[in-house]
Amino acid sequence: MTLEINAVTTEQQRSSRAAEMLIAVGLGDRLDYKPDQLSGGQRQRVSIARALVGQPKIILADEPTASLDKQSGQEAVRLLKRLAKESHTTILLVTHDYRILDIADRVVELEDGMIKQE
């Protein structure tokens, strides 16, 4: 859907761009796999590819590591950050997972709807 409403117009261009992004997230050997054939970490990388494939200016990521173990979560967020930086995309990430805060350029902590710490 992202590519269908974006500037990429032909089916061949959409397929090519999708394959490029899956290769970028390390899933080039899984292009024809179905979601139930992928691990949780691999599915998260597909989500990262889908978020970036249309080259958005900003990505809103709500709890992107919620279903992942610590290592997979950190890998996914580092990958998202690297690819977003390469494509000049801003990430606004909301999380309760303090283990991934070290990758942030800026952290704003909220408590009861108010900024607690910036």
PDB file of N, CA and C in Angstrom:
ATOM      1  N   MET A   1       0.825  -1.193   0.000  1.00  0.00           N
ATOM      2  CA  MET A   1       0.000   0.000   0.000  1.00  0.00           C
ATOM      3  C   MET A   1       0.865   1.250   0.000  1.00  0.00           C
ATOM      4  N   THR A   2       1.922   1.283   0.797  1.00  0.00           N
ATOM      5  CA  THR A   2       2.772   2.462   0.871  1.00  0.00           C
ATOM      6  C   THR A   2       3.267   2.869  -0.499  1.00  0.00           C
ATOM      7  N   LEU A   3       3.756   1.921  -1.261  1.00  0.00           N
ATOM      8  CA  LEU A   3       4.291   2.235  -2.582  1.00  0.00           C
ATOM      9  C   LEU A   3       3.196   2.539  -3.593  1.00  0.00           C
ATOM     10  N   GLU A   4       2.008   2.021  -3.393  1.00  0.00           N
ATOM     11  CA  GLU A   4       0.917   2.277  -4.326  1.00  0.00           C
ATOM     12  C   GLU A   4       0.468   3.725  -4.274  1.00  0.00           C
ATOM     13  N   ILE A   5       0.588   4.382  -3.133  1.00  0.00           N
ATOM     14  CA  ILE A   5       0.184   5.781  -3.023  1.00  0.00           C
ATOM     15  C   ILE A   5       1.376   6.721  -3.096  1.00  0.00           C
ATOM     16  N   ASN A   6       2.552   6.174  -3.301  1.00  0.00           N
ATOM     17  CA  ASN A   6       3.761   6.971  -3.396  1.00  0.00           C
ATOM     18  C   ASN A   6       4.109   7.182  -4.861  1.00  0.00           C
ATOM     19  N   ALA A   7       5.259   7.786  -5.101  1.00  0.00           N
ATOM     20  CA  ALA A   7       5.692   8.110  -6.460  1.00  0.00           C
ATOM     21  C   ALA A   7       6.069   6.876  -7.283  1.00  0.00           C
ATOM     22  N   VAL A   8       6.310   5.745  -6.634  1.00  0.00           N
ATOM     23  CA  VAL A   8       6.657   4.522  -7.360  1.00  0.00           C
ATOM     24  C   VAL A   8       5.367   3.972  -7.959  1.00  0.00           C
ATOM     25  N   THR A   9       5.303   3.906  -9.299  1.00  0.00           N
ATOM     26  CA  THR A   9       4.008   3.637  -9.913  1.00  0.00           C
ATOM     27  C   THR A   9       3.833   2.264 -10.553  1.00  0.00           C
ATOM     28  N   THR A  10       4.861   1.682 -11.126  1.00  0.00           N
ATOM     29  CA  THR A  10       4.653   0.401 -11.800  1.00  0.00           C
ATOM     30  C   THR A  10       4.838  -0.758 -10.825  1.00  0.00           C
ATOM     31  N   GLU A  11       4.218  -1.874 -11.154  1.00  0.00           N
ATOM     32  CA  GLU A  11       4.350  -3.079 -10.320  1.00  0.00           C
ATOM     33  C   GLU A  11       5.808  -3.505 -10.218  1.00  0.00           C
ATOM     34  N   GLN A  12       6.531  -3.404 -11.319  1.00  0.00           N
ATOM     35  CA  GLN A  12       7.947  -3.782 -11.326  1.00  0.00           C
ATOM     36  C   GLN A  12       8.761  -2.868 -10.403  1.00  0.00           C
ATOM     37  N   GLN A  13       8.479  -1.572 -10.431  1.00  0.00           N
ATOM     38  CA  GLN A  13       9.182  -0.639  -9.550  1.00  0.00           C
ATOM     39  C   GLN A  13       8.861  -0.932  -8.085  1.00  0.00           C
ATOM     40  N   ARG A  14       7.599  -1.221  -7.799  1.00  0.00           N
ATOM     41  CA  ARG A  14       7.206  -1.524  -6.417  1.00  0.00           C
ATOM     42  C   ARG A  14       7.885  -2.791  -5.928  1.00  0.00           C
ATOM     43  N   SER A  15       7.889  -3.821  -6.757  1.00  0.00           N
ATOM     44  CA  SER A  15       8.538  -5.086  -6.379  1.00  0.00           C
ATOM     45  C   SER A  15      10.030  -4.901  -6.173  1.00  0.00           C
ATOM     46  N   SER A  16      10.650  -4.138  -7.042  1.00  0.00           N
ATOM     47  CA  SER A  16      12.086  -3.889  -6.945  1.00  0.00           C
ATOM     48  C   SER A  16      12.426  -3.129  -5.670  1.00  0.00           C
ATOM     49  N   ARG A  17      11.650  -2.092  -5.363  1.00  0.00           N
ATOM     50  CA  ARG A  17      11.895  -1.290  -4.155  1.00  0.00           C
ATOM     51  C   ARG A  17      11.664  -2.135  -2.900  1.00  0.00           C
ATOM     52  N   ALA A  18      10.629  -2.947  -2.883  1.00  0.00           N
ATOM     53  CA  ALA A  18      10.354  -3.810  -1.733  1.00  0.00           C
ATOM     54  C   ALA A  18      11.495  -4.797  -1.529  1.00  0.00           C
ATOM     55  N   ALA A  19      11.983  -5.391  -2.614  1.00  0.00           N
ATOM     56  CA  ALA A  19      13.102  -6.338  -2.516  1.00  0.00           C
ATOM     57  C   ALA A  19      14.354  -5.639  -2.000  1.00  0.00           C
ATOM     58  N   GLU A  20      14.618  -4.419  -2.472  1.00  0.00           N
ATOM     59  CA  GLU A  20      15.776  -3.650  -1.991  1.00  0.00           C
ATOM     60  C   GLU A  20      15.710  -3.449  -0.484  1.00  0.00           C
ATOM     61  N   MET A  21      14.532  -3.099   0.023  1.00  0.00           N
ATOM     62  CA  MET A  21      14.391  -2.854   1.458  1.00  0.00           C
ATOM     63  C   MET A  21      14.526  -4.145   2.254  1.00  0.00           C
ATOM     64  N   LEU A  22      13.992  -5.246   1.750  1.00  0.00           N
ATOM     65  CA  LEU A  22      14.137  -6.520   2.459  1.00  0.00           C
ATOM     66  C   LEU A  22      15.595  -6.961   2.479  1.00  0.00           C
ATOM     67  N   ILE A  23      16.318  -6.708   1.416  1.00  0.00           N
ATOM     68  CA  ILE A  23      17.758  -6.990   1.404  1.00  0.00           C
ATOM     69  C   ILE A  23      18.462  -6.107   2.423  1.00  0.00           C
ATOM     70  N   ALA A  24      18.072  -4.831   2.495  1.00  0.00           N
ATOM     71  CA  ALA A  24      18.695  -3.892   3.436  1.00  0.00           C
ATOM     72  C   ALA A  24      18.512  -4.314   4.890  1.00  0.00           C
ATOM     73  N   VAL A  25      17.398  -4.986   5.191  1.00  0.00           N
ATOM     74  CA  VAL A  25      17.162  -5.430   6.573  1.00  0.00           C
ATOM     75  C   VAL A  25      17.623  -6.865   6.795  1.00  0.00           C
ATOM     76  N   GLY A  26      18.337  -7.416   5.817  1.00  0.00           N
ATOM     77  CA  GLY A  26      18.918  -8.747   5.983  1.00  0.00           C
ATOM     78  C   GLY A  26      17.997  -9.903   5.659  1.00  0.00           C
ATOM     79  N   LEU A  27      16.954  -9.650   4.902  1.00  0.00           N
ATOM     80  CA  LEU A  27      16.000 -10.708   4.571  1.00  0.00           C
ATOM     81  C   LEU A  27      15.945 -10.991   3.071  1.00  0.00           C
ATOM     82  N   GLY A  28      17.020 -10.728   2.374  1.00  0.00           N
ATOM     83  CA  GLY A  28      17.066 -10.979   0.939  1.00  0.00           C
ATOM     84  C   GLY A  28      16.845 -12.434   0.579  1.00  0.00           C
ATOM     85  N   ASP A  29      17.191 -13.331   1.489  1.00  0.00           N
ATOM     86  CA  ASP A  29      16.998 -14.762   1.232  1.00  0.00           C
ATOM     87  C   ASP A  29      15.602 -15.243   1.640  1.00  0.00           C
ATOM     88  N   ARG A  30      14.747 -14.309   2.078  1.00  0.00           N
ATOM     89  CA  ARG A  30      13.402 -14.676   2.538  1.00  0.00           C
ATOM     90  C   ARG A  30      12.309 -13.948   1.748  1.00  0.00           C
ATOM     91  N   LEU A  31      12.620 -13.512   0.544  1.00  0.00           N
ATOM     92  CA  LEU A  31      11.682 -12.701  -0.235  1.00  0.00           C
ATOM     93  C   LEU A  31      10.346 -13.389  -0.477  1.00  0.00           C
ATOM     94  N   ASP A  32      10.330 -14.688  -0.601  1.00  0.00           N
ATOM     95  CA  ASP A  32       9.093 -15.408  -0.914  1.00  0.00           C
ATOM     96  C   ASP A  32       8.469 -16.089   0.303  1.00  0.00           C
ATOM     97  N   TYR A  33       8.956 -15.786   1.499  1.00  0.00           N
ATOM     98  CA  TYR A  33       8.425 -16.410   2.707  1.00  0.00           C
ATOM     99  C   TYR A  33       7.129 -15.722   3.142  1.00  0.00           C
ATOM    100  N   LYS A  34       6.268 -16.475   3.767  1.00  0.00           N
ATOM    101  CA  LYS A  34       5.041 -15.960   4.373  1.00  0.00           C
ATOM    102  C   LYS A  34       5.348 -15.577   5.823  1.00  0.00           C
ATOM    103  N   PRO A  35       4.551 -14.677   6.421  1.00  0.00           N
ATOM    104  CA  PRO A  35       4.817 -14.246   7.798  1.00  0.00           C
ATOM    105  C   PRO A  35       4.950 -15.391   8.802  1.00  0.00           C
ATOM    106  N   ASP A  36       4.137 -16.433   8.662  1.00  0.00           N
ATOM    107  CA  ASP A  36       4.210 -17.534   9.627  1.00  0.00           C
ATOM    108  C   ASP A  36       5.460 -18.394   9.455  1.00  0.00           C
ATOM    109  N   GLN A  37       6.241 -18.122   8.424  1.00  0.00           N
ATOM    110  CA  GLN A  37       7.504 -18.830   8.214  1.00  0.00           C
ATOM    111  C   GLN A  37       8.692 -18.029   8.748  1.00  0.00           C
ATOM    112  N   LEU A  38       8.432 -16.871   9.341  1.00  0.00           N
ATOM    113  CA  LEU A  38       9.485 -15.998   9.855  1.00  0.00           C
ATOM    114  C   LEU A  38       9.456 -15.958  11.378  1.00  0.00           C
ATOM    115  N   SER A  39      10.622 -15.730  11.974  1.00  0.00           N
ATOM    116  CA  SER A  39      10.700 -15.566  13.431  1.00  0.00           C
ATOM    117  C   SER A  39      10.160 -14.185  13.808  1.00  0.00           C
ATOM    118  N   GLY A  40       9.977 -13.958  15.097  1.00  0.00           N
ATOM    119  CA  GLY A  40       9.511 -12.653  15.569  1.00  0.00           C
ATOM    120  C   GLY A  40      10.454 -11.530  15.172  1.00  0.00           C
ATOM    121  N   GLY A  41      11.745 -11.764  15.299  1.00  0.00           N
ATOM    122  CA  GLY A  41      12.730 -10.754  14.915  1.00  0.00           C
ATOM    123  C   GLY A  41      12.716 -10.477  13.425  1.00  0.00           C
ATOM    124  N   GLN A  42      12.529 -11.528  12.633  1.00  0.00           N
ATOM    125  CA  GLN A  42      12.451 -11.345  11.178  1.00  0.00           C
ATOM    126  C   GLN A  42      11.192 -10.574  10.794  1.00  0.00           C
ATOM    127  N   ARG A  43      10.090 -10.852  11.466  1.00  0.00           N
ATOM    128  CA  ARG A  43       8.854 -10.108  11.191  1.00  0.00           C
ATOM    129  C   ARG A  43       9.010  -8.637  11.552  1.00  0.00           C
ATOM    130  N   GLN A  44       9.755  -8.374  12.624  1.00  0.00           N
ATOM    131  CA  GLN A  44       9.995  -6.985  13.008  1.00  0.00           C
ATOM    132  C   GLN A  44      10.837  -6.285  11.946  1.00  0.00           C
ATOM    133  N   ARG A  45      11.805  -6.988  11.371  1.00  0.00           N
ATOM    134  CA  ARG A  45      12.613  -6.400  10.299  1.00  0.00           C
ATOM    135  C   ARG A  45      11.768  -6.135   9.053  1.00  0.00           C
ATOM    136  N   VAL A  46      10.796  -7.002   8.777  1.00  0.00           N
ATOM    137  CA  VAL A  46       9.863  -6.735   7.676  1.00  0.00           C
ATOM    138  C   VAL A  46       9.091  -5.451   7.967  1.00  0.00           C
ATOM    139  N   SER A  47       8.678  -5.261   9.213  1.00  0.00           N
ATOM    140  CA  SER A  47       7.966  -4.037   9.594  1.00  0.00           C
ATOM    141  C   SER A  47       8.834  -2.805   9.381  1.00  0.00           C
ATOM    142  N   ILE A  48      10.111  -2.919   9.702  1.00  0.00           N
ATOM    143  CA  ILE A  48      11.042  -1.811   9.480  1.00  0.00           C
ATOM    144  C   ILE A  48      11.142  -1.515   7.986  1.00  0.00           C
ATOM    145  N   ALA A  49      11.272  -2.553   7.183  1.00  0.00           N
ATOM    146  CA  ALA A  49      11.345  -2.370   5.726  1.00  0.00           C
ATOM    147  C   ALA A  49      10.072  -1.705   5.208  1.00  0.00           C
ATOM    148  N   ARG A  50       8.926  -2.144   5.695  1.00  0.00           N
ATOM    149  CA  ARG A  50       7.651  -1.554   5.257  1.00  0.00           C
ATOM    150  C   ARG A  50       7.548  -0.094   5.656  1.00  0.00           C
ATOM    151  N   ALA A  51       8.052   0.239   6.837  1.00  0.00           N
ATOM    152  CA  ALA A  51       8.001   1.630   7.292  1.00  0.00           C
ATOM    153  C   ALA A  51       8.872   2.536   6.435  1.00  0.00           C
ATOM    154  N   LEU A  52       9.994   2.022   5.969  1.00  0.00           N
ATOM    155  CA  LEU A  52      10.954   2.846   5.238  1.00  0.00           C
ATOM    156  C   LEU A  52      10.815   2.787   3.721  1.00  0.00           C
ATOM    157  N   VAL A  53      10.100   1.821   3.192  1.00  0.00           N
ATOM    158  CA  VAL A  53      10.062   1.597   1.746  1.00  0.00           C
ATOM    159  C   VAL A  53       9.536   2.807   0.967  1.00  0.00           C
ATOM    160  N   GLY A  54       8.628   3.549   1.525  1.00  0.00           N
ATOM    161  CA  GLY A  54       8.075   4.720   0.849  1.00  0.00           C
ATOM    162  C   GLY A  54       8.857   5.994   1.072  1.00  0.00           C
ATOM    163  N   GLN A  55       9.993   5.895   1.750  1.00  0.00           N
ATOM    164  CA  GLN A  55      10.885   7.017   2.039  1.00  0.00           C
ATOM    165  C   GLN A  55      10.154   8.185   2.718  1.00  0.00           C
ATOM    166  N   PRO A  56       9.508   7.904   3.852  1.00  0.00           N
ATOM    167  CA  PRO A  56       8.788   8.971   4.550  1.00  0.00           C
ATOM    168  C   PRO A  56       9.749   9.947   5.224  1.00  0.00           C
ATOM    169  N   LYS A  57       9.261  11.123   5.543  1.00  0.00           N
ATOM    170  CA  LYS A  57      10.061  12.111   6.275  1.00  0.00           C
ATOM    171  C   LYS A  57      10.110  11.768   7.766  1.00  0.00           C
ATOM    172  N   ILE A  58       9.045  11.123   8.267  1.00  0.00           N
ATOM    173  CA  ILE A  58       8.976  10.774   9.689  1.00  0.00           C
ATOM    174  C   ILE A  58       8.293   9.412   9.845  1.00  0.00           C
ATOM    175  N   ILE A  59       8.776   8.651  10.827  1.00  0.00           N
ATOM    176  CA  ILE A  59       8.166   7.368  11.190  1.00  0.00           C
ATOM    177  C   ILE A  59       7.704   7.476  12.634  1.00  0.00           C
ATOM    178  N   LEU A  60       6.458   7.126  12.892  1.00  0.00           N
ATOM    179  CA  LEU A  60       5.927   7.070  14.247  1.00  0.00           C
ATOM    180  C   LEU A  60       5.960   5.609  14.676  1.00  0.00           C
ATOM    181  N   ALA A  61       6.812   5.290  15.640  1.00  0.00           N
ATOM    182  CA  ALA A  61       7.000   3.903  16.083  1.00  0.00           C
ATOM    183  C   ALA A  61       6.467   3.752  17.507  1.00  0.00           C
ATOM    184  N   ASP A  62       5.363   3.049  17.650  1.00  0.00           N
ATOM    185  CA  ASP A  62       4.729   2.839  18.949  1.00  0.00           C
ATOM    186  C   ASP A  62       5.092   1.448  19.462  1.00  0.00           C
ATOM    187  N   GLU A  63       5.923   1.404  20.483  1.00  0.00           N
ATOM    188  CA  GLU A  63       6.351   0.147  21.107  1.00  0.00           C
ATOM    189  C   GLU A  63       6.905  -0.850  20.083  1.00  0.00           C
ATOM    190  N   PRO A  64       7.915  -0.470  19.312  1.00  0.00           N
ATOM    191  CA  PRO A  64       8.413  -1.358  18.256  1.00  0.00           C
ATOM    192  C   PRO A  64       9.095  -2.626  18.753  1.00  0.00           C
ATOM    193  N   THR A  65       9.434  -2.685  20.029  1.00  0.00           N
ATOM    194  CA  THR A  65      10.119  -3.868  20.559  1.00  0.00           C
ATOM    195  C   THR A  65       9.245  -4.679  21.507  1.00  0.00           C
ATOM    196  N   ALA A  66       7.970  -4.364  21.584  1.00  0.00           N
ATOM    197  CA  ALA A  66       7.085  -4.967  22.588  1.00  0.00           C
ATOM    198  C   ALA A  66       7.071  -6.491  22.563  1.00  0.00           C
ATOM    199  N   SER A  67       7.133  -7.092  21.393  1.00  0.00           N
ATOM    200  CA  SER A  67       7.023  -8.553  21.318  1.00  0.00           C
ATOM    201  C   SER A  67       8.368  -9.248  21.148  1.00  0.00           C
ATOM    202  N   LEU A  68       9.455  -8.512  21.341  1.00  0.00           N
ATOM    203  CA  LEU A  68      10.783  -9.077  21.104  1.00  0.00           C
ATOM    204  C   LEU A  68      11.582  -9.224  22.391  1.00  0.00           C
ATOM    205  N   ASP A  69      12.504 -10.192  22.403  1.00  0.00           N
ATOM    206  CA  ASP A  69      13.415 -10.303  23.536  1.00  0.00           C
ATOM    207  C   ASP A  69      14.417  -9.148  23.472  1.00  0.00           C
ATOM    208  N   LYS A  70      15.220  -8.996  24.518  1.00  0.00           N
ATOM    209  CA  LYS A  70      16.124  -7.854  24.631  1.00  0.00           C
ATOM    210  C   LYS A  70      17.047  -7.731  23.420  1.00  0.00           C
ATOM    211  N   GLN A  71      17.717  -8.811  23.064  1.00  0.00           N
ATOM    212  CA  GLN A  71      18.681  -8.755  21.965  1.00  0.00           C
ATOM    213  C   GLN A  71      17.998  -8.437  20.635  1.00  0.00           C
ATOM    214  N   SER A  72      16.907  -9.112  20.338  1.00  0.00           N
ATOM    215  CA  SER A  72      16.187  -8.863  19.084  1.00  0.00           C
ATOM    216  C   SER A  72      15.651  -7.437  19.040  1.00  0.00           C
ATOM    217  N   GLY A  73      15.166  -6.949  20.175  1.00  0.00           N
ATOM    218  CA  GLY A  73      14.657  -5.582  20.247  1.00  0.00           C
ATOM    219  C   GLY A  73      15.730  -4.551  19.982  1.00  0.00           C
ATOM    220  N   GLN A  74      16.891  -4.739  20.612  1.00  0.00           N
ATOM    221  CA  GLN A  74      17.991  -3.804  20.392  1.00  0.00           C
ATOM    222  C   GLN A  74      18.472  -3.849  18.945  1.00  0.00           C
ATOM    223  N   GLU A  75      18.560  -5.042  18.378  1.00  0.00           N
ATOM    224  CA  GLU A  75      18.975  -5.175  16.976  1.00  0.00           C
ATOM    225  C   GLU A  75      17.978  -4.482  16.051  1.00  0.00           C
ATOM    226  N   ALA A  76      16.694  -4.669  16.294  1.00  0.00           N
ATOM    227  CA  ALA A  76      15.665  -4.069  15.450  1.00  0.00           C
ATOM    228  C   ALA A  76      15.719  -2.547  15.513  1.00  0.00           C
ATOM    229  N   VAL A  77      15.870  -2.002  16.711  1.00  0.00           N
ATOM    230  CA  VAL A  77      15.895  -0.550  16.856  1.00  0.00           C
ATOM    231  C   VAL A  77      17.175   0.037  16.268  1.00  0.00           C
ATOM    232  N   ARG A  78      18.292  -0.627  16.447  1.00  0.00           N
ATOM    233  CA  ARG A  78      19.540  -0.148  15.831  1.00  0.00           C
ATOM    234  C   ARG A  78      19.440  -0.171  14.300  1.00  0.00           C
ATOM    235  N   LEU A  79      18.840  -1.217  13.768  1.00  0.00           N
ATOM    236  CA  LEU A  79      18.641  -1.318  12.325  1.00  0.00           C
ATOM    237  C   LEU A  79      17.724  -0.196  11.840  1.00  0.00           C
ATOM    238  N   LEU A  80      16.624   0.025  12.538  1.00  0.00           N
ATOM    239  CA  LEU A  80      15.705   1.102  12.181  1.00  0.00           C
ATOM    240  C   LEU A  80      16.427   2.440  12.192  1.00  0.00           C
ATOM    241  N   LYS A  81      17.214   2.679  13.230  1.00  0.00           N
ATOM    242  CA  LYS A  81      17.931   3.951  13.327  1.00  0.00           C
ATOM    243  C   LYS A  81      18.930   4.108  12.181  1.00  0.00           C
ATOM    244  N   ARG A  82      19.688   3.065  11.883  1.00  0.00           N
ATOM    245  CA  ARG A  82      20.692   3.149  10.815  1.00  0.00           C
ATOM    246  C   ARG A  82      20.040   3.420   9.461  1.00  0.00           C
ATOM    247  N   LEU A  83      19.008   2.665   9.145  1.00  0.00           N
ATOM    248  CA  LEU A  83      18.348   2.842   7.850  1.00  0.00           C
ATOM    249  C   LEU A  83      17.627   4.183   7.758  1.00  0.00           C
ATOM    250  N   ALA A  84      17.042   4.629   8.861  1.00  0.00           N
ATOM    251  CA  ALA A  84      16.378   5.934   8.860  1.00  0.00           C
ATOM    252  C   ALA A  84      17.396   7.053   8.660  1.00  0.00           C
ATOM    253  N   LYS A  85      18.544   6.923   9.304  1.00  0.00           N
ATOM    254  CA  LYS A  85      19.593   7.933   9.143  1.00  0.00           C
ATOM    255  C   LYS A  85      20.066   7.976   7.690  1.00  0.00           C
ATOM    256  N   GLU A  86      20.249   6.811   7.085  1.00  0.00           N
ATOM    257  CA  GLU A  86      20.688   6.746   5.683  1.00  0.00           C
ATOM    258  C   GLU A  86      19.672   7.387   4.739  1.00  0.00           C
ATOM    259  N   SER A  87      18.402   7.292   5.070  1.00  0.00           N
ATOM    260  CA  SER A  87      17.364   7.852   4.197  1.00  0.00           C
ATOM    261  C   SER A  87      16.854   9.207   4.691  1.00  0.00           C
ATOM    262  N   HIS A  88      17.527   9.775   5.699  1.00  0.00           N
ATOM    263  CA  HIS A  88      17.176  11.100   6.244  1.00  0.00           C
ATOM    264  C   HIS A  88      15.734  11.134   6.756  1.00  0.00           C
ATOM    265  N   THR A  89      15.358  10.093   7.480  1.00  0.00           N
ATOM    266  CA  THR A  89      14.025   9.973   8.053  1.00  0.00           C
ATOM    267  C   THR A  89      14.105  10.169   9.564  1.00  0.00           C
ATOM    268  N   THR A  90      13.189  10.948  10.103  1.00  0.00           N
ATOM    269  CA  THR A  90      13.096  11.152  11.547  1.00  0.00           C
ATOM    270  C   THR A  90      12.244  10.043  12.156  1.00  0.00           C
ATOM    271  N   ILE A  91      12.645   9.573  13.336  1.00  0.00           N
ATOM    272  CA  ILE A  91      11.867   8.557  14.049  1.00  0.00           C
ATOM    273  C   ILE A  91      11.359   9.159  15.355  1.00  0.00           C
ATOM    274  N   LEU A  92      10.065   9.074  15.576  1.00  0.00           N
ATOM    275  CA  LEU A  92       9.474   9.408  16.861  1.00  0.00           C
ATOM    276  C   LEU A  92       9.043   8.083  17.461  1.00  0.00           C
ATOM    277  N   LEU A  93       9.756   7.638  18.489  1.00  0.00           N
ATOM    278  CA  LEU A  93       9.556   6.314  19.061  1.00  0.00           C
ATOM    279  C   LEU A  93       8.979   6.447  20.463  1.00  0.00           C
ATOM    280  N   VAL A  94       7.902   5.736  20.717  1.00  0.00           N
ATOM    281  CA  VAL A  94       7.280   5.700  22.036  1.00  0.00           C
ATOM    282  C   VAL A  94       7.511   4.311  22.603  1.00  0.00           C
ATOM    283  N   THR A  95       8.033   4.249  23.838  1.00  0.00           N
ATOM    284  CA  THR A  95       8.324   2.941  24.416  1.00  0.00           C
ATOM    285  C   THR A  95       8.295   2.982  25.940  1.00  0.00           C
ATOM    286  N   HIS A  96       8.069   1.819  26.509  1.00  0.00           N
ATOM    287  CA  HIS A  96       8.252   1.606  27.942  1.00  0.00           C
ATOM    288  C   HIS A  96       9.538   0.824  28.182  1.00  0.00           C
ATOM    289  N   ASP A  97      10.223   0.472  27.117  1.00  0.00           N
ATOM    290  CA  ASP A  97      11.414  -0.373  27.170  1.00  0.00           C
ATOM    291  C   ASP A  97      12.663   0.488  27.365  1.00  0.00           C
ATOM    292  N   TYR A  98      13.077   0.638  28.605  1.00  0.00           N
ATOM    293  CA  TYR A  98      14.243   1.468  28.920  1.00  0.00           C
ATOM    294  C   TYR A  98      15.534   0.890  28.347  1.00  0.00           C
ATOM    295  N   ARG A  99      15.515  -0.376  27.952  1.00  0.00           N
ATOM    296  CA  ARG A  99      16.729  -1.013  27.425  1.00  0.00           C
ATOM    297  C   ARG A  99      17.140  -0.465  26.065  1.00  0.00           C
ATOM    298  N   ILE A 100      16.248   0.208  25.370  1.00  0.00           N
ATOM    299  CA  ILE A 100      16.599   0.708  24.036  1.00  0.00           C
ATOM    300  C   ILE A 100      16.826   2.218  24.004  1.00  0.00           C
ATOM    301  N   LEU A 101      16.782   2.866  25.139  1.00  0.00           N
ATOM    302  CA  LEU A 101      16.928   4.319  25.166  1.00  0.00           C
ATOM    303  C   LEU A 101      18.316   4.797  24.763  1.00  0.00           C
ATOM    304  N   ASP A 102      19.320   3.935  24.892  1.00  0.00           N
ATOM    305  CA  ASP A 102      20.689   4.349  24.580  1.00  0.00           C
ATOM    306  C   ASP A 102      20.903   4.644  23.097  1.00  0.00           C
ATOM    307  N   ILE A 103      19.994   4.257  22.236  1.00  0.00           N
ATOM    308  CA  ILE A 103      20.162   4.529  20.809  1.00  0.00           C
ATOM    309  C   ILE A 103      19.533   5.870  20.413  1.00  0.00           C
ATOM    310  N   ALA A 104      18.803   6.487  21.327  1.00  0.00           N
ATOM    311  CA  ALA A 104      18.086   7.725  21.007  1.00  0.00           C
ATOM    312  C   ALA A 104      19.017   8.929  20.975  1.00  0.00           C
ATOM    313  N   ASP A 105      18.732   9.852  20.065  1.00  0.00           N
ATOM    314  CA  ASP A 105      19.444  11.125  20.036  1.00  0.00           C
ATOM    315  C   ASP A 105      18.891  12.059  21.110  1.00  0.00           C
ATOM    316  N   ARG A 106      17.624  11.876  21.433  1.00  0.00           N
ATOM    317  CA  ARG A 106      16.971  12.714  22.435  1.00  0.00           C
ATOM    318  C   ARG A 106      15.896  11.878  23.121  1.00  0.00           C
ATOM    319  N   VAL A 107      15.790  12.016  24.435  1.00  0.00           N
ATOM    320  CA  VAL A 107      14.787  11.283  25.210  1.00  0.00           C
ATOM    321  C   VAL A 107      13.940  12.290  25.980  1.00  0.00           C
ATOM    322  N   VAL A 108      12.635  12.176  25.857  1.00  0.00           N
ATOM    323  CA  VAL A 108      11.698  12.990  26.627  1.00  0.00           C
ATOM    324  C   VAL A 108      10.861  12.010  27.437  1.00  0.00           C
ATOM    325  N   GLU A 109      10.912  12.139  28.753  1.00  0.00           N
ATOM    326  CA  GLU A 109      10.171  11.224  29.623  1.00  0.00           C
ATOM    327  C   GLU A 109       8.873  11.883  30.071  1.00  0.00           C
ATOM    328  N   LEU A 110       7.770  11.149  29.900  1.00  0.00           N
ATOM    329  CA  LEU A 110       6.458  11.642  30.311  1.00  0.00           C
ATOM    330  C   LEU A 110       5.962  10.863  31.517  1.00  0.00           C
ATOM    331  N   GLU A 111       5.260  11.559  32.386  1.00  0.00           N
ATOM    332  CA  GLU A 111       4.592  10.907  33.516  1.00  0.00           C
ATOM    333  C   GLU A 111       3.252  11.582  33.711  1.00  0.00           C
ATOM    334  N   ASP A 112       2.196  10.805  33.697  1.00  0.00           N
ATOM    335  CA  ASP A 112       0.836  11.322  33.833  1.00  0.00           C
ATOM    336  C   ASP A 112       0.545  12.433  32.830  1.00  0.00           C
ATOM    337  N   GLY A 113       1.040  12.267  31.602  1.00  0.00           N
ATOM    338  CA  GLY A 113       0.773  13.217  30.530  1.00  0.00           C
ATOM    339  C   GLY A 113       1.599  14.486  30.563  1.00  0.00           C
ATOM    340  N   MET A 114       2.527  14.578  31.494  1.00  0.00           N
ATOM    341  CA  MET A 114       3.367  15.781  31.619  1.00  0.00           C
ATOM    342  C   MET A 114       4.827  15.410  31.395  1.00  0.00           C
ATOM    343  N   ILE A 115       5.596  16.351  30.844  1.00  0.00           N
ATOM    344  CA  ILE A 115       7.022  16.117  30.665  1.00  0.00           C
ATOM    345  C   ILE A 115       7.678  16.079  32.036  1.00  0.00           C
ATOM    346  N   LYS A 116       8.297  14.947  32.335  1.00  0.00           N
ATOM    347  CA  LYS A 116       8.971  14.756  33.612  1.00  0.00           C
ATOM    348  C   LYS A 116      10.444  15.118  33.494  1.00  0.00           C
ATOM    349  N   GLN A 117      11.045  14.708  32.392  1.00  0.00           N
ATOM    350  CA  GLN A 117      12.476  14.920  32.211  1.00  0.00           C
ATOM    351  C   GLN A 117      12.768  15.019  30.725  1.00  0.00           C
ATOM    352  N   GLU A 118      13.663  15.942  30.386  1.00  0.00           N
ATOM    353  CA  GLU A 118      14.047  16.083  28.987  1.00  0.00           C
ATOM    354  C   GLU A 118      15.547  16.107  28.869  1.00  0.00           C
TER     355      GLU A 118
END
